[in-house]
N, C-alpha and C. Protein backbone atom coordinates (compact mmCIF):
# COMPACT_ATOMS: atom_id res chain seq x y z
N MET A 1 -19.69 23.67 5.50
CA MET A 1 -20.23 24.80 4.78
C MET A 1 -19.16 25.35 3.84
N ALA A 2 -19.53 25.61 2.61
CA ALA A 2 -18.59 26.13 1.62
C ALA A 2 -18.29 27.60 1.89
N GLU A 3 -17.04 27.96 1.73
CA GLU A 3 -16.58 29.33 1.88
C GLU A 3 -15.87 29.73 0.60
N VAL A 4 -15.85 31.01 0.31
CA VAL A 4 -15.15 31.54 -0.85
C VAL A 4 -14.08 32.50 -0.34
N ALA A 5 -12.85 32.33 -0.84
CA ALA A 5 -11.75 33.20 -0.44
C ALA A 5 -11.96 34.60 -0.99
N PRO A 6 -11.46 35.63 -0.30
CA PRO A 6 -11.57 36.99 -0.83
C PRO A 6 -10.65 37.21 -2.03
N ILE A 7 -10.82 38.33 -2.69
CA ILE A 7 -9.99 38.64 -3.85
C ILE A 7 -8.56 38.95 -3.40
N CYS A 8 -7.65 38.94 -4.35
CA CYS A 8 -6.23 39.14 -4.09
C CYS A 8 -5.95 40.57 -3.61
N ALA A 9 -5.23 40.69 -2.51
CA ALA A 9 -4.74 41.98 -2.02
C ALA A 9 -3.31 42.12 -2.52
N PHE A 10 -3.17 42.54 -3.78
CA PHE A 10 -1.86 42.60 -4.42
C PHE A 10 -0.83 43.33 -3.56
N GLY A 11 0.35 42.72 -3.43
CA GLY A 11 1.47 43.34 -2.72
C GLY A 11 1.52 43.04 -1.23
N TRP A 12 0.46 42.44 -0.68
CA TRP A 12 0.46 42.08 0.74
C TRP A 12 1.64 41.15 1.01
N LYS A 13 2.41 41.42 2.06
CA LYS A 13 3.61 40.66 2.36
C LYS A 13 3.28 39.39 3.14
N ALA A 14 3.93 38.30 2.77
CA ALA A 14 3.71 37.00 3.43
C ALA A 14 4.13 37.08 4.89
N ALA A 15 3.33 36.49 5.75
CA ALA A 15 3.63 36.42 7.17
C ALA A 15 4.60 35.25 7.42
N ASP A 16 5.59 35.50 8.25
CA ASP A 16 6.56 34.46 8.57
C ASP A 16 5.92 33.44 9.51
N PHE A 17 6.52 32.27 9.57
CA PHE A 17 6.06 31.21 10.46
C PHE A 17 7.19 30.24 10.71
N ARG A 18 7.01 29.40 11.68
CA ARG A 18 7.90 28.27 11.95
C ARG A 18 7.01 27.14 12.44
N LEU A 19 6.88 26.08 11.60
CA LEU A 19 5.93 25.02 11.88
C LEU A 19 6.54 23.64 11.65
N PRO A 20 6.05 22.64 12.39
CA PRO A 20 6.50 21.26 12.16
C PRO A 20 5.89 20.69 10.89
N ALA A 21 6.67 19.84 10.22
CA ALA A 21 6.23 19.22 8.97
C ALA A 21 6.11 17.72 9.13
N THR A 22 5.38 17.12 8.21
CA THR A 22 5.17 15.67 8.25
C THR A 22 6.46 14.89 7.99
N ASP A 23 7.50 15.55 7.48
CA ASP A 23 8.78 14.86 7.25
C ASP A 23 9.67 14.84 8.49
N GLY A 24 9.17 15.36 9.63
CA GLY A 24 9.91 15.34 10.87
C GLY A 24 10.72 16.60 11.14
N ASN A 25 10.78 17.51 10.18
CA ASN A 25 11.53 18.76 10.35
C ASN A 25 10.58 19.89 10.71
N THR A 26 11.16 21.00 11.15
CA THR A 26 10.42 22.22 11.42
C THR A 26 10.98 23.28 10.48
N TYR A 27 10.09 24.02 9.82
CA TYR A 27 10.51 24.97 8.80
C TYR A 27 9.96 26.37 9.04
N SER A 28 10.73 27.35 8.58
CA SER A 28 10.24 28.73 8.53
C SER A 28 9.93 29.06 7.08
N LEU A 29 9.21 30.14 6.87
CA LEU A 29 8.92 30.58 5.51
C LEU A 29 10.22 30.86 4.75
N ALA A 30 11.15 31.52 5.41
CA ALA A 30 12.42 31.87 4.75
C ALA A 30 13.16 30.63 4.26
N GLU A 31 13.09 29.55 5.02
CA GLU A 31 13.78 28.31 4.63
C GLU A 31 13.13 27.64 3.42
N LEU A 32 11.85 27.89 3.21
CA LEU A 32 11.11 27.20 2.15
C LEU A 32 10.83 28.05 0.92
N ALA A 33 11.03 29.36 1.01
CA ALA A 33 10.67 30.27 -0.09
C ALA A 33 11.43 29.90 -1.36
N GLY A 34 10.76 30.06 -2.49
CA GLY A 34 11.34 29.73 -3.78
C GLY A 34 12.10 30.89 -4.40
N GLU A 35 12.98 30.57 -5.29
CA GLU A 35 13.80 31.58 -5.98
C GLU A 35 12.93 32.53 -6.81
N ASN A 36 11.88 32.00 -7.44
CA ASN A 36 11.04 32.81 -8.32
C ASN A 36 9.62 32.99 -7.82
N GLY A 37 9.31 32.49 -6.63
CA GLY A 37 7.97 32.64 -6.08
C GLY A 37 7.70 31.55 -5.06
N THR A 38 6.65 31.77 -4.28
CA THR A 38 6.27 30.82 -3.23
C THR A 38 4.76 30.71 -3.19
N LEU A 39 4.29 29.48 -3.19
CA LEU A 39 2.86 29.20 -3.09
C LEU A 39 2.59 28.62 -1.71
N VAL A 40 1.79 29.34 -0.91
CA VAL A 40 1.38 28.86 0.41
C VAL A 40 -0.07 28.42 0.27
N MET A 41 -0.32 27.15 0.60
CA MET A 41 -1.64 26.55 0.41
C MET A 41 -2.19 26.08 1.76
N PHE A 42 -3.39 26.47 2.08
CA PHE A 42 -4.06 25.94 3.27
C PHE A 42 -4.97 24.82 2.79
N ILE A 43 -4.65 23.61 3.24
CA ILE A 43 -5.40 22.42 2.85
C ILE A 43 -5.69 21.61 4.11
N CYS A 44 -6.40 20.52 3.96
CA CYS A 44 -6.60 19.58 5.05
C CYS A 44 -6.87 18.21 4.44
N ASN A 45 -7.01 17.22 5.27
CA ASN A 45 -7.18 15.85 4.79
C ASN A 45 -8.62 15.51 4.44
N HIS A 46 -9.58 16.01 5.20
CA HIS A 46 -10.95 15.50 5.08
C HIS A 46 -11.83 16.27 4.09
N CYS A 47 -11.43 17.44 3.67
CA CYS A 47 -12.28 18.29 2.83
C CYS A 47 -12.47 17.69 1.44
N PRO A 48 -13.71 17.53 0.97
CA PRO A 48 -13.93 16.98 -0.37
C PRO A 48 -13.39 17.88 -1.48
N TYR A 49 -13.33 19.19 -1.25
CA TYR A 49 -12.77 20.10 -2.24
C TYR A 49 -11.27 19.85 -2.42
N VAL A 50 -10.58 19.59 -1.31
CA VAL A 50 -9.15 19.28 -1.37
C VAL A 50 -8.95 17.89 -1.99
N GLN A 51 -9.72 16.93 -1.54
CA GLN A 51 -9.59 15.57 -2.08
C GLN A 51 -9.80 15.55 -3.59
N ALA A 52 -10.69 16.40 -4.09
CA ALA A 52 -10.99 16.44 -5.52
C ALA A 52 -9.82 16.94 -6.37
N ILE A 53 -8.89 17.68 -5.75
CA ILE A 53 -7.79 18.27 -6.53
C ILE A 53 -6.42 17.71 -6.21
N LEU A 54 -6.31 16.77 -5.29
CA LEU A 54 -4.98 16.34 -4.84
C LEU A 54 -4.07 15.91 -5.97
N ASP A 55 -4.55 15.10 -6.90
CA ASP A 55 -3.69 14.65 -8.00
C ASP A 55 -3.23 15.84 -8.85
N ARG A 56 -4.12 16.76 -9.13
CA ARG A 56 -3.77 17.94 -9.93
C ARG A 56 -2.84 18.87 -9.16
N LEU A 57 -3.05 18.96 -7.85
CA LEU A 57 -2.20 19.79 -7.01
C LEU A 57 -0.77 19.26 -7.01
N VAL A 58 -0.61 17.97 -6.89
CA VAL A 58 0.72 17.36 -6.93
C VAL A 58 1.36 17.63 -8.30
N ARG A 59 0.61 17.43 -9.36
CA ARG A 59 1.12 17.69 -10.72
C ARG A 59 1.58 19.14 -10.87
N ASP A 60 0.71 20.07 -10.48
CA ASP A 60 1.01 21.49 -10.68
C ASP A 60 2.16 21.97 -9.81
N THR A 61 2.26 21.49 -8.57
CA THR A 61 3.36 21.92 -7.72
C THR A 61 4.69 21.34 -8.20
N ARG A 62 4.67 20.15 -8.75
CA ARG A 62 5.90 19.60 -9.37
C ARG A 62 6.34 20.47 -10.54
N ASP A 63 5.39 20.84 -11.38
CA ASP A 63 5.70 21.67 -12.54
C ASP A 63 6.17 23.07 -12.11
N LEU A 64 5.58 23.60 -11.05
CA LEU A 64 6.01 24.91 -10.55
C LEU A 64 7.42 24.86 -9.97
N ALA A 65 7.77 23.76 -9.32
CA ALA A 65 9.11 23.62 -8.75
C ALA A 65 10.17 23.74 -9.85
N ALA A 66 9.88 23.21 -11.03
CA ALA A 66 10.82 23.30 -12.16
C ALA A 66 11.01 24.75 -12.61
N LEU A 67 10.08 25.63 -12.24
CA LEU A 67 10.17 27.06 -12.59
C LEU A 67 10.74 27.90 -11.45
N GLY A 68 11.17 27.25 -10.36
CA GLY A 68 11.72 27.98 -9.22
C GLY A 68 10.67 28.49 -8.25
N VAL A 69 9.45 27.94 -8.33
CA VAL A 69 8.37 28.32 -7.41
C VAL A 69 8.23 27.21 -6.38
N ALA A 70 8.47 27.53 -5.12
CA ALA A 70 8.32 26.57 -4.03
C ALA A 70 6.86 26.53 -3.59
N SER A 71 6.41 25.35 -3.17
CA SER A 71 5.04 25.18 -2.67
C SER A 71 5.10 24.67 -1.23
N ILE A 72 4.19 25.16 -0.42
CA ILE A 72 4.11 24.82 1.00
C ILE A 72 2.64 24.59 1.32
N ALA A 73 2.32 23.46 1.92
CA ALA A 73 0.94 23.19 2.35
C ALA A 73 0.88 23.28 3.88
N ILE A 74 -0.19 23.86 4.37
CA ILE A 74 -0.39 24.02 5.81
C ILE A 74 -1.80 23.54 6.16
N SER A 75 -1.89 22.71 7.20
CA SER A 75 -3.19 22.32 7.73
C SER A 75 -3.37 23.01 9.08
N SER A 76 -4.46 23.76 9.19
CA SER A 76 -4.73 24.54 10.39
C SER A 76 -6.01 24.10 11.10
N ASN A 77 -6.68 23.09 10.59
CA ASN A 77 -7.96 22.69 11.18
C ASN A 77 -7.82 22.17 12.60
N ASP A 78 -8.88 22.33 13.36
CA ASP A 78 -8.98 21.81 14.72
C ASP A 78 -9.03 20.28 14.65
N ALA A 79 -7.92 19.64 14.97
CA ALA A 79 -7.83 18.18 14.86
C ALA A 79 -8.54 17.46 15.99
N VAL A 80 -8.88 18.15 17.05
CA VAL A 80 -9.66 17.53 18.13
C VAL A 80 -11.09 17.30 17.63
N ALA A 81 -11.66 18.32 17.00
CA ALA A 81 -13.01 18.21 16.47
C ALA A 81 -13.04 17.42 15.16
N TYR A 82 -11.92 17.42 14.43
CA TYR A 82 -11.83 16.74 13.14
C TYR A 82 -10.59 15.84 13.13
N PRO A 83 -10.69 14.64 13.74
CA PRO A 83 -9.53 13.75 13.88
C PRO A 83 -8.88 13.36 12.56
N GLU A 84 -9.63 13.39 11.46
CA GLU A 84 -9.02 13.07 10.16
C GLU A 84 -7.93 14.07 9.79
N ASP A 85 -7.95 15.24 10.42
CA ASP A 85 -6.95 16.27 10.14
C ASP A 85 -5.82 16.29 11.15
N SER A 86 -5.69 15.23 11.93
CA SER A 86 -4.63 15.14 12.94
C SER A 86 -3.26 15.05 12.27
N PHE A 87 -2.23 15.35 13.01
CA PHE A 87 -0.87 15.30 12.48
C PHE A 87 -0.49 13.89 12.01
N PRO A 88 -0.82 12.83 12.75
CA PRO A 88 -0.52 11.49 12.22
C PRO A 88 -1.23 11.20 10.89
N ARG A 89 -2.47 11.65 10.74
CA ARG A 89 -3.19 11.46 9.47
C ARG A 89 -2.58 12.32 8.36
N MET A 90 -2.08 13.51 8.73
CA MET A 90 -1.40 14.35 7.74
C MET A 90 -0.20 13.60 7.16
N LYS A 91 0.55 12.92 8.02
CA LYS A 91 1.70 12.14 7.56
C LYS A 91 1.27 11.05 6.58
N GLU A 92 0.17 10.39 6.89
CA GLU A 92 -0.34 9.33 6.01
C GLU A 92 -0.75 9.88 4.64
N VAL A 93 -1.46 10.99 4.64
CA VAL A 93 -1.94 11.58 3.38
C VAL A 93 -0.75 12.06 2.54
N ALA A 94 0.22 12.71 3.18
CA ALA A 94 1.40 13.19 2.45
C ALA A 94 2.15 12.03 1.80
N ALA A 95 2.29 10.92 2.52
CA ALA A 95 2.99 9.75 1.97
C ALA A 95 2.17 9.09 0.87
N ALA A 96 0.87 8.94 1.09
CA ALA A 96 0.01 8.26 0.11
C ALA A 96 -0.02 9.00 -1.23
N HIS A 97 0.08 10.32 -1.20
CA HIS A 97 0.01 11.12 -2.42
C HIS A 97 1.39 11.60 -2.88
N ALA A 98 2.44 11.18 -2.19
CA ALA A 98 3.81 11.57 -2.54
C ALA A 98 3.92 13.09 -2.73
N PHE A 99 3.49 13.82 -1.70
CA PHE A 99 3.53 15.28 -1.79
C PHE A 99 4.94 15.75 -2.13
N PRO A 100 5.08 16.57 -3.16
CA PRO A 100 6.40 17.11 -3.51
C PRO A 100 6.68 18.44 -2.79
N PHE A 101 5.94 18.69 -1.73
CA PHE A 101 6.06 19.92 -0.95
C PHE A 101 5.93 19.56 0.52
N PRO A 102 6.48 20.39 1.42
CA PRO A 102 6.31 20.13 2.84
C PRO A 102 4.85 20.37 3.26
N TYR A 103 4.37 19.51 4.15
CA TYR A 103 3.01 19.61 4.67
C TYR A 103 3.15 19.95 6.16
N LEU A 104 2.80 21.19 6.51
CA LEU A 104 3.05 21.74 7.84
C LEU A 104 1.78 21.75 8.69
N HIS A 105 1.99 21.62 9.99
CA HIS A 105 0.87 21.59 10.94
C HIS A 105 0.83 22.88 11.74
N ASP A 106 -0.26 23.61 11.61
CA ASP A 106 -0.50 24.88 12.30
C ASP A 106 -1.48 24.62 13.45
N LYS A 107 -1.01 23.89 14.45
CA LYS A 107 -1.88 23.48 15.56
C LYS A 107 -2.51 24.67 16.27
N SER A 108 -1.77 25.75 16.45
CA SER A 108 -2.28 26.93 17.16
C SER A 108 -3.25 27.75 16.30
N GLN A 109 -3.24 27.53 15.02
CA GLN A 109 -4.04 28.26 14.03
C GLN A 109 -3.60 29.70 13.85
N GLN A 110 -2.46 30.08 14.42
CA GLN A 110 -1.98 31.45 14.31
C GLN A 110 -1.57 31.81 12.89
N VAL A 111 -1.01 30.85 12.15
CA VAL A 111 -0.58 31.13 10.79
C VAL A 111 -1.80 31.34 9.89
N ALA A 112 -2.80 30.50 10.03
CA ALA A 112 -4.03 30.68 9.23
C ALA A 112 -4.65 32.04 9.51
N ARG A 113 -4.65 32.44 10.76
CA ARG A 113 -5.21 33.75 11.11
C ARG A 113 -4.35 34.88 10.52
N ALA A 114 -3.03 34.75 10.57
CA ALA A 114 -2.14 35.78 10.03
C ALA A 114 -2.33 35.95 8.52
N TYR A 115 -2.62 34.86 7.82
CA TYR A 115 -2.83 34.92 6.38
C TYR A 115 -4.27 35.29 6.01
N GLY A 116 -5.18 35.18 6.96
CA GLY A 116 -6.58 35.42 6.65
C GLY A 116 -7.19 34.29 5.85
N ALA A 117 -6.65 33.07 6.04
CA ALA A 117 -7.19 31.90 5.35
C ALA A 117 -8.63 31.67 5.79
N VAL A 118 -9.48 31.31 4.83
CA VAL A 118 -10.89 31.09 5.16
C VAL A 118 -11.39 29.71 4.79
N CYS A 119 -10.71 29.06 3.85
CA CYS A 119 -11.23 27.78 3.37
C CYS A 119 -10.08 26.84 3.00
N THR A 120 -10.47 25.58 2.77
CA THR A 120 -9.53 24.60 2.23
C THR A 120 -10.13 24.08 0.93
N PRO A 121 -9.41 24.27 -0.17
CA PRO A 121 -8.09 24.89 -0.26
C PRO A 121 -8.18 26.42 -0.35
N ASP A 122 -7.13 27.07 0.13
CA ASP A 122 -6.99 28.52 0.00
C ASP A 122 -5.54 28.75 -0.43
N PHE A 123 -5.35 29.36 -1.60
CA PHE A 123 -4.03 29.51 -2.21
C PHE A 123 -3.56 30.96 -2.13
N PHE A 124 -2.30 31.12 -1.71
CA PHE A 124 -1.65 32.42 -1.63
C PHE A 124 -0.37 32.34 -2.46
N GLY A 125 -0.36 32.99 -3.62
CA GLY A 125 0.79 32.94 -4.50
C GLY A 125 1.62 34.22 -4.40
N PHE A 126 2.86 34.09 -3.97
CA PHE A 126 3.75 35.23 -3.75
C PHE A 126 4.87 35.27 -4.78
N ASN A 127 5.33 36.47 -5.09
CA ASN A 127 6.48 36.61 -5.98
C ASN A 127 7.77 36.40 -5.18
N ARG A 128 8.91 36.60 -5.84
CA ARG A 128 10.20 36.34 -5.17
C ARG A 128 10.43 37.26 -3.97
N ASP A 129 9.73 38.40 -3.93
CA ASP A 129 9.83 39.33 -2.80
C ASP A 129 8.78 39.06 -1.74
N LEU A 130 8.10 37.93 -1.87
CA LEU A 130 7.04 37.50 -0.94
C LEU A 130 5.89 38.50 -0.85
N GLU A 131 5.55 39.07 -2.03
CA GLU A 131 4.40 39.95 -2.15
C GLU A 131 3.28 39.18 -2.85
N LEU A 132 2.09 39.23 -2.28
CA LEU A 132 0.96 38.46 -2.81
C LEU A 132 0.61 38.88 -4.23
N GLN A 133 0.47 37.89 -5.11
CA GLN A 133 0.13 38.13 -6.50
C GLN A 133 -1.02 37.24 -6.99
N TYR A 134 -1.37 36.21 -6.21
CA TYR A 134 -2.46 35.32 -6.63
C TYR A 134 -3.21 34.83 -5.42
N ARG A 135 -4.53 34.94 -5.47
CA ARG A 135 -5.42 34.40 -4.43
C ARG A 135 -6.62 33.81 -5.15
N GLY A 136 -6.34 32.85 -6.03
CA GLY A 136 -7.40 32.25 -6.82
C GLY A 136 -7.48 30.76 -6.60
N ARG A 137 -8.19 30.11 -7.49
CA ARG A 137 -8.41 28.68 -7.37
C ARG A 137 -7.37 27.89 -8.17
N LEU A 138 -7.32 26.59 -7.94
CA LEU A 138 -6.44 25.72 -8.71
C LEU A 138 -6.94 25.62 -10.15
N ASP A 139 -8.22 25.29 -10.28
CA ASP A 139 -8.86 25.15 -11.59
C ASP A 139 -10.37 25.13 -11.35
N ALA A 140 -11.12 24.65 -12.33
CA ALA A 140 -12.58 24.65 -12.26
C ALA A 140 -13.15 23.54 -11.39
N SER A 141 -12.31 22.79 -10.70
CA SER A 141 -12.80 21.73 -9.82
C SER A 141 -13.57 22.32 -8.65
N GLY A 142 -14.50 21.56 -8.14
CA GLY A 142 -15.25 21.92 -6.95
C GLY A 142 -15.18 20.75 -5.98
N ARG A 143 -16.34 20.29 -5.54
CA ARG A 143 -16.38 19.10 -4.67
C ARG A 143 -15.97 17.84 -5.44
N ASN A 144 -16.01 17.94 -6.75
CA ASN A 144 -15.59 16.85 -7.63
C ASN A 144 -14.54 17.39 -8.58
N PRO A 145 -13.66 16.52 -9.07
CA PRO A 145 -12.64 17.01 -10.00
C PRO A 145 -13.28 17.63 -11.24
N GLY A 146 -12.65 18.69 -11.73
CA GLY A 146 -13.11 19.32 -12.95
C GLY A 146 -12.81 18.43 -14.14
N PRO A 147 -13.18 18.87 -15.34
CA PRO A 147 -12.91 18.06 -16.53
C PRO A 147 -11.40 17.88 -16.75
N PRO A 148 -11.02 16.80 -17.41
CA PRO A 148 -9.59 16.53 -17.63
C PRO A 148 -8.85 17.68 -18.32
N ASP A 149 -9.56 18.44 -19.15
CA ASP A 149 -8.91 19.53 -19.87
C ASP A 149 -9.12 20.90 -19.20
N ALA A 150 -9.45 20.89 -17.91
CA ALA A 150 -9.67 22.15 -17.19
C ALA A 150 -8.42 23.03 -17.26
N ARG A 151 -8.63 24.31 -17.47
CA ARG A 151 -7.52 25.26 -17.51
C ARG A 151 -6.77 25.25 -16.18
N ARG A 152 -5.48 25.23 -16.23
CA ARG A 152 -4.62 25.18 -15.03
C ARG A 152 -4.40 26.61 -14.52
N GLU A 153 -5.42 27.17 -13.88
CA GLU A 153 -5.42 28.58 -13.50
C GLU A 153 -4.28 28.93 -12.54
N LEU A 154 -4.12 28.16 -11.48
CA LEU A 154 -3.08 28.45 -10.50
C LEU A 154 -1.70 28.29 -11.14
N PHE A 155 -1.49 27.21 -11.88
CA PHE A 155 -0.20 26.99 -12.53
C PHE A 155 0.13 28.14 -13.48
N GLU A 156 -0.83 28.52 -14.32
CA GLU A 156 -0.59 29.61 -15.27
C GLU A 156 -0.29 30.92 -14.55
N ALA A 157 -1.03 31.20 -13.49
CA ALA A 157 -0.80 32.44 -12.73
C ALA A 157 0.59 32.45 -12.11
N MET A 158 0.98 31.34 -11.49
CA MET A 158 2.28 31.29 -10.83
C MET A 158 3.43 31.22 -11.83
N ARG A 159 3.20 30.66 -13.00
CA ARG A 159 4.21 30.69 -14.06
C ARG A 159 4.46 32.15 -14.45
N GLY A 160 3.39 32.93 -14.55
CA GLY A 160 3.53 34.36 -14.84
C GLY A 160 4.24 35.10 -13.72
N VAL A 161 3.91 34.77 -12.48
CA VAL A 161 4.57 35.39 -11.34
C VAL A 161 6.06 35.08 -11.37
N ALA A 162 6.42 33.84 -11.67
CA ALA A 162 7.83 33.45 -11.74
C ALA A 162 8.57 34.23 -12.81
N ALA A 163 7.91 34.48 -13.92
CA ALA A 163 8.56 35.16 -15.05
C ALA A 163 8.59 36.68 -14.89
N THR A 164 7.52 37.26 -14.32
CA THR A 164 7.40 38.72 -14.31
C THR A 164 7.30 39.34 -12.92
N GLY A 165 7.02 38.52 -11.90
CA GLY A 165 6.83 39.05 -10.55
C GLY A 165 5.41 39.53 -10.30
N ARG A 166 4.55 39.43 -11.30
CA ARG A 166 3.18 39.92 -11.17
C ARG A 166 2.17 38.83 -11.52
N GLY A 167 1.06 38.83 -10.80
CA GLY A 167 -0.02 37.89 -11.07
C GLY A 167 -1.07 38.51 -11.97
N PRO A 168 -1.99 37.68 -12.46
CA PRO A 168 -3.05 38.19 -13.34
C PRO A 168 -4.05 39.05 -12.57
N ILE A 169 -4.57 40.05 -13.24
CA ILE A 169 -5.59 40.91 -12.62
C ILE A 169 -6.87 40.13 -12.38
N GLY A 170 -7.31 39.37 -13.38
CA GLY A 170 -8.53 38.57 -13.25
C GLY A 170 -8.24 37.24 -12.56
N GLN A 171 -8.86 37.02 -11.42
CA GLN A 171 -8.67 35.79 -10.66
C GLN A 171 -10.02 35.32 -10.13
N ILE A 172 -10.25 34.01 -10.22
CA ILE A 172 -11.48 33.43 -9.68
C ILE A 172 -11.14 32.87 -8.31
N PRO A 173 -11.82 33.32 -7.25
CA PRO A 173 -11.46 32.88 -5.90
C PRO A 173 -11.64 31.38 -5.70
N SER A 174 -10.85 30.86 -4.80
CA SER A 174 -10.97 29.46 -4.42
C SER A 174 -12.22 29.27 -3.56
N MET A 175 -12.79 28.08 -3.65
CA MET A 175 -13.94 27.73 -2.83
C MET A 175 -13.64 26.41 -2.16
N GLY A 176 -14.08 26.26 -0.92
CA GLY A 176 -13.86 25.01 -0.23
C GLY A 176 -14.54 25.00 1.12
N CYS A 177 -14.20 24.01 1.91
CA CYS A 177 -14.73 23.90 3.27
C CYS A 177 -14.13 25.00 4.13
N SER A 178 -14.91 25.50 5.06
CA SER A 178 -14.39 26.53 5.96
C SER A 178 -13.26 25.95 6.82
N ILE A 179 -12.32 26.81 7.21
CA ILE A 179 -11.31 26.40 8.18
C ILE A 179 -12.07 26.01 9.45
N LYS A 180 -11.67 24.92 10.05
CA LYS A 180 -12.33 24.44 11.28
C LYS A 180 -11.61 25.05 12.48
N TRP A 181 -12.13 26.20 12.92
CA TRP A 181 -11.52 26.95 14.00
C TRP A 181 -11.82 26.31 15.35
N LYS A 182 -10.86 26.43 16.25
CA LYS A 182 -11.05 25.95 17.61
C LYS A 182 -11.95 26.93 18.36
N ASP A 183 -12.73 26.40 19.30
CA ASP A 183 -13.51 27.27 20.17
C ASP A 183 -12.55 27.94 21.15
N ILE A 184 -12.63 29.24 21.22
CA ILE A 184 -11.71 29.97 22.11
C ILE A 184 -12.43 30.40 23.34
């Protein structure tokens, strides 16, 4: 079922975490934060909305890194109910797409809950002080990739955050598959 992320709560402070990554290391937010901003992305392997943007996501996060904006991807889906989102499959997807960012596993789902993540993809763009400035979409893509000339909404927003510390007032929320929560 498709979900739409809520609008940006400007200034909300990023929640800290410490999670294992597909590269074999364990990272905290402080260790990964960028000099000019940090993009925390909730993604997963099986979602068609994520699959539709992977190439553009890799492109945009590489370009953001050159601006001092670090990117972090987190998968929080219930891997028991959705085996495609298991940690071993996360490693395969990260390698196959040459992710230029750490891909972290939130097995407990506590980080997704702390951020209020609702869908994959769900983007949280923070300034250098880890204050939320962007909660929008990557671009006009949906279940299928958008047109080749689609405006790079997330990249443009985070470029502005890197330069000024502030995100755009007008933001179009991200849409994607709901986070696959564990039965408690």
